[in-house]
Amino acid sequence: MGTVILLRHGRSTANGSGVLAGRSPGVDLDSTGRTQAEALVQRLSGIPLAALVASPLQRCAQTLAPLAEARGLTPETDPELSEVDYGDWTGRELKDLANEPLWRVVQAHPSAAVFPGGEGLAAMQCRAVRAIRRHDERITAEHGAHAVWVACTHGDMIKSVLADALGQHLDSFQRIVVEPGSVSVVRYTELRPFVLRMNDHGADLGGIVPPEPESGKEGDPASSDAAVGGSTGRKDRE
């Protein structure tokens, strides 16, 4: 199976103003977000990318645009990677939402949270994990088990995928932090996913690239075995 870079879109105008944008149209990146998008070109310069997949919302398209141009790749849009449907909460200020009774449920028991007029967080996790695994299976079939690809989506979406990869219940996903412009990396294998990065803002991502198959040998799927004692940091021994 492949390796997915889970990219949260850059900081948006809604992020900067403390508003829950949800699926509201016309939410752009702010100046910080545009800088984060431009920086991706250099941050991922050493990573061979097989594909770019994105949420249909504008801030995700804007985040991927510089990288897509630099790599000559056309991002694929997938509605299943769209933001949570926050229903009646959409467009409201976070400071006001914190006074709603549902806020405590979202914080302490998110698997039970269903937004009025919107979707539940448990349903969101199902579609997020389903979409990421579906794209990973397709990209692996097309490009091989050493393929690396990017999925540009939203904070709660990425947190839910990471919780699944870590074997955590959704009720623990609020312990995970995913900031705008950050990358988190999951490598899928036959038996288990491996979480390689979380909420990463650094420039050196070379360690996420799977080792190439040895010359003259067929490439085996990525091993599902964990290194006893921890990773050695050497690709030829992973």
Protein backbone atom coordinates (compact mmCIF):
# COMPACT_ATOMS: atom_id res chain seq x y z
CA MET A 1 0.00 0.00 0.00
CA GLY A 2 1.05 3.62 -0.40
CA THR A 3 2.08 6.57 1.75
CA VAL A 4 -0.31 9.51 2.12
CA ILE A 5 0.66 13.03 3.09
CA LEU A 6 -2.38 14.44 4.89
CA LEU A 7 -2.14 18.17 4.25
CA ARG A 8 -4.38 20.58 6.09
CA HIS A 9 -5.11 23.63 3.98
CA GLY A 10 -3.23 26.82 4.82
CA ARG A 11 -4.62 29.33 7.26
CA SER A 12 -7.86 30.84 5.99
CA THR A 13 -9.61 34.14 6.59
CA ALA A 14 -12.08 32.23 8.79
CA ASN A 15 -9.25 30.70 10.86
CA GLY A 16 -7.91 34.17 11.50
CA SER A 17 -11.29 35.57 12.58
CA GLY A 18 -12.35 32.68 14.85
CA VAL A 19 -15.28 31.63 12.68
CA LEU A 20 -16.32 28.03 11.99
CA ALA A 21 -16.28 28.20 8.19
CA GLY A 22 -17.45 24.66 7.51
CA ARG A 23 -18.57 24.37 3.90
CA SER A 24 -19.22 28.09 3.43
CA PRO A 25 -18.26 29.19 -0.10
CA GLY A 26 -15.71 31.91 -0.80
CA VAL A 27 -13.40 31.29 2.17
CA ASP A 28 -9.90 32.15 0.94
CA LEU A 29 -6.44 31.68 2.35
CA ASP A 30 -5.16 34.71 4.25
CA SER A 31 -1.64 36.06 3.76
CA THR A 32 -0.18 33.47 6.16
CA GLY A 33 -2.02 30.69 4.34
CA ARG A 34 -0.72 31.84 0.96
CA THR A 35 2.81 31.83 2.34
CA GLN A 36 2.27 28.30 3.67
CA ALA A 37 1.02 27.18 0.25
CA GLU A 38 4.07 28.61 -1.52
CA ALA A 39 6.39 27.00 1.05
CA LEU A 40 5.00 23.55 0.24
CA VAL A 41 6.89 23.55 -3.06
CA GLN A 42 10.21 23.57 -1.23
CA ARG A 43 9.08 21.49 1.75
CA LEU A 44 8.10 18.61 -0.55
CA SER A 45 10.83 19.15 -3.14
CA GLY A 46 12.59 15.89 -2.26
CA ILE A 47 9.40 13.80 -2.27
CA PRO A 48 8.29 12.03 -5.47
CA LEU A 49 4.53 12.57 -5.68
CA ALA A 50 2.26 10.24 -7.60
CA ALA A 51 -0.99 12.19 -7.19
CA LEU A 52 -2.76 15.12 -5.56
CA VAL A 53 -6.29 14.74 -4.19
CA ALA A 54 -8.27 17.56 -2.58
CA SER A 55 -11.44 18.63 -0.88
CA PRO A 56 -13.62 20.67 -3.25
CA LEU A 57 -13.49 23.75 -1.01
CA GLN A 58 -11.64 26.78 -2.29
CA ARG A 59 -9.05 27.00 0.47
CA CYS A 60 -7.81 23.50 -0.38
CA ALA A 61 -7.55 24.27 -4.09
CA GLN A 62 -5.57 27.42 -3.26
CA THR A 63 -3.25 25.48 -0.95
CA LEU A 64 -2.39 22.91 -3.62
CA ALA A 65 -2.12 25.33 -6.56
CA PRO A 66 1.61 26.23 -6.25
CA LEU A 67 2.60 22.59 -5.67
CA ALA A 68 0.45 21.36 -8.56
CA GLU A 69 2.02 23.90 -10.91
CA ALA A 70 5.56 23.04 -9.79
CA ARG A 71 4.98 19.30 -10.28
CA GLY A 72 2.82 19.44 -13.38
CA LEU A 73 0.07 17.52 -11.61
CA THR A 74 -3.67 18.13 -11.81
CA PRO A 75 -5.37 17.72 -8.43
CA GLU A 76 -8.34 15.38 -8.29
CA THR A 77 -11.31 16.73 -6.35
CA ASP A 78 -13.24 14.39 -4.08
CA PRO A 79 -16.40 15.55 -2.24
CA GLU A 80 -15.80 12.83 0.38
CA LEU A 81 -12.76 14.83 1.52
CA SER A 82 -14.86 17.95 2.10
CA GLU A 83 -15.12 19.67 5.45
CA VAL A 84 -17.48 18.45 8.16
CA ASP A 85 -21.04 19.56 7.50
CA TYR A 86 -21.48 21.64 10.64
CA GLY A 87 -25.08 22.47 9.73
CA ASP A 88 -26.49 25.33 11.80
CA TRP A 89 -23.09 25.91 13.40
CA THR A 90 -21.61 26.97 10.06
CA GLY A 91 -20.46 30.58 9.98
CA ARG A 92 -20.78 31.15 13.73
CA GLU A 93 -17.99 32.39 15.98
CA LEU A 94 -16.22 29.75 18.05
CA LYS A 95 -16.52 31.85 21.22
CA ASP A 96 -20.32 31.70 20.91
CA LEU A 97 -20.39 28.00 20.04
CA ALA A 98 -18.44 27.25 23.23
CA ASN A 99 -21.59 28.16 25.19
CA GLU A 100 -23.74 25.60 23.37
CA PRO A 101 -24.56 22.34 25.26
CA LEU A 102 -23.35 20.33 22.26
CA TRP A 103 -19.88 21.88 22.64
CA ARG A 104 -19.15 19.66 25.66
CA VAL A 105 -20.25 16.58 23.72
CA VAL A 106 -17.94 17.51 20.85
CA GLN A 107 -15.09 17.86 23.34
CA ALA A 108 -15.67 14.83 25.55
CA HIS A 109 -17.74 12.33 23.51
CA PRO A 110 -17.36 13.32 19.84
CA SER A 111 -18.62 9.97 18.54
CA ALA A 112 -22.06 10.97 19.86
CA ALA A 113 -21.98 14.50 18.43
CA VAL A 114 -24.36 15.29 15.55
CA PHE A 115 -24.44 18.92 14.42
CA PRO A 116 -27.95 20.40 14.14
CA GLY A 117 -28.88 20.37 10.47
CA GLY A 118 -25.54 18.74 9.65
CA GLU A 119 -23.65 15.48 10.02
CA GLY A 120 -22.29 13.52 12.95
CA LEU A 121 -18.57 13.22 13.66
CA ALA A 122 -18.80 9.41 13.57
CA ALA A 123 -20.26 9.60 10.05
CA MET A 124 -17.53 12.07 9.10
CA GLN A 125 -14.82 9.66 10.22
CA CYS A 126 -16.35 6.83 8.22
CA ARG A 127 -16.32 8.82 4.98
CA ALA A 128 -12.84 10.28 5.66
CA VAL A 129 -11.19 6.91 6.30
CA ARG A 130 -13.11 5.31 3.44
CA ALA A 131 -11.99 8.02 1.01
CA ILE A 132 -8.32 7.95 2.04
CA ARG A 133 -8.09 4.15 1.89
CA ARG A 134 -9.93 4.06 -1.45
CA HIS A 135 -7.56 6.57 -3.03
CA ASP A 136 -4.55 4.82 -1.49
CA GLU A 137 -5.62 1.49 -2.95
CA ARG A 138 -6.14 3.05 -6.39
CA ILE A 139 -2.86 4.97 -6.40
CA THR A 140 -0.95 1.92 -5.19
CA ALA A 141 -2.46 -0.14 -8.01
CA GLU A 142 -1.43 2.50 -10.55
CA HIS A 143 2.01 3.48 -9.21
CA GLY A 144 3.16 0.64 -6.95
CA ALA A 145 3.55 0.11 -3.21
CA HIS A 146 6.20 2.83 -2.92
CA ALA A 147 3.88 5.59 -4.16
CA VAL A 148 3.58 8.79 -2.13
CA TRP A 149 0.56 11.04 -2.62
CA VAL A 150 -1.05 14.11 -1.08
CA ALA A 151 -4.58 14.50 0.27
CA CYS A 152 -5.41 18.15 1.04
CA THR A 153 -8.35 18.36 3.41
CA HIS A 154 -9.51 19.77 6.75
CA GLY A 155 -8.56 19.60 10.42
CA ASP A 156 -11.24 17.31 11.84
CA MET A 157 -11.02 15.10 8.76
CA ILE A 158 -7.27 14.59 9.24
CA LYS A 159 -7.61 14.09 12.99
CA SER A 160 -10.18 11.35 12.40
CA VAL A 161 -7.94 9.56 9.87
CA LEU A 162 -4.99 9.76 12.28
CA ALA A 163 -7.12 8.39 15.12
CA ASP A 164 -8.07 5.44 12.92
CA ALA A 165 -4.43 4.86 11.94
CA LEU A 166 -3.37 4.99 15.59
CA GLY A 167 -6.10 2.55 16.63
CA GLN A 168 -7.74 5.19 18.81
CA HIS A 169 -11.45 5.52 19.42
CA LEU A 170 -12.95 8.66 17.89
CA ASP A 171 -13.66 9.88 21.43
CA SER A 172 -9.89 10.41 21.80
CA PHE A 173 -9.39 12.33 18.58
CA GLN A 174 -9.52 15.73 20.29
CA ARG A 175 -6.10 14.86 21.77
CA ILE A 176 -4.64 15.22 18.27
CA VAL A 177 -3.58 18.67 17.03
CA VAL A 178 -3.57 19.43 13.29
CA GLU A 179 -2.78 23.06 12.50
CA PRO A 180 -3.29 24.93 9.21
CA GLY A 181 -0.51 24.22 6.72
CA SER A 182 0.71 21.16 8.62
CA VAL A 183 1.42 17.75 7.19
CA SER A 184 0.74 14.38 8.79
CA VAL A 185 1.90 11.19 7.12
CA VAL A 186 0.46 7.67 7.17
CA ARG A 187 1.93 4.64 5.43
CA TYR A 188 -0.59 1.86 4.88
CA THR A 189 0.45 -1.80 4.87
CA GLU A 190 -1.43 -5.08 4.63
CA LEU A 191 -1.87 -5.47 8.40
CA ARG A 192 -1.58 -1.99 9.90
CA PRO A 193 -0.95 1.68 9.15
CA PHE A 194 2.19 3.41 10.38
CA VAL A 195 1.96 7.06 11.43
CA LEU A 196 5.21 8.72 10.30
CA ARG A 197 4.44 12.39 11.00
CA MET A 198 1.80 14.39 12.85
CA ASN A 199 1.19 18.15 12.66
CA ASP A 200 4.60 18.65 11.03
CA HIS A 201 5.68 22.14 9.96
CA GLY A 202 9.33 21.29 9.26
CA ALA A 203 11.18 21.32 5.96
CA ASP A 204 12.90 17.92 6.07
CA LEU A 205 10.37 15.27 5.03
CA GLY A 206 12.80 13.00 3.22
CA GLY A 207 12.39 10.30 5.86
CA ILE A 208 8.85 9.52 4.73
CA VAL A 209 9.92 8.25 1.29
CA PRO A 210 9.74 4.44 1.19
CA PRO A 211 12.97 2.65 0.20
CA GLU A 212 13.23 1.59 -3.42
CA PRO A 213 13.17 -2.17 -4.17
CA GLU A 214 16.61 -3.73 -4.52
CA SER A 215 17.93 -3.90 -8.05
CA GLY A 216 16.88 -7.06 -9.85
CA LYS A 217 14.22 -7.90 -7.30
CA GLU A 218 10.51 -7.40 -7.51
CA GLY A 219 9.23 -4.73 -5.15
CA ASP A 220 7.46 -6.29 -2.21
CA PRO A 221 4.59 -4.49 -0.54
CA ALA A 222 5.64 -2.41 2.45
CA SER A 223 6.23 -4.60 5.48
CA SER A 224 3.55 -4.68 8.14
CA ASP A 225 6.17 -5.50 10.79
CA ALA A 226 7.22 -2.84 13.29
CA ALA A 227 10.92 -2.54 14.10
CA VAL A 228 11.53 -4.10 17.53
CA GLY A 229 13.13 -1.48 19.73
CA GLY A 230 12.06 1.31 17.39
CA SER A 231 12.96 2.47 13.91
CA THR A 232 16.66 2.52 13.10
CA GLY A 233 16.31 5.55 10.87
CA ARG A 234 17.96 3.62 8.01
CA LYS A 235 15.74 3.04 5.00
CA ASP A 236 17.56 -0.10 3.97
CA ARG A 237 16.66 -1.74 7.28
CA GLU A 238 13.02 -0.69 7.61
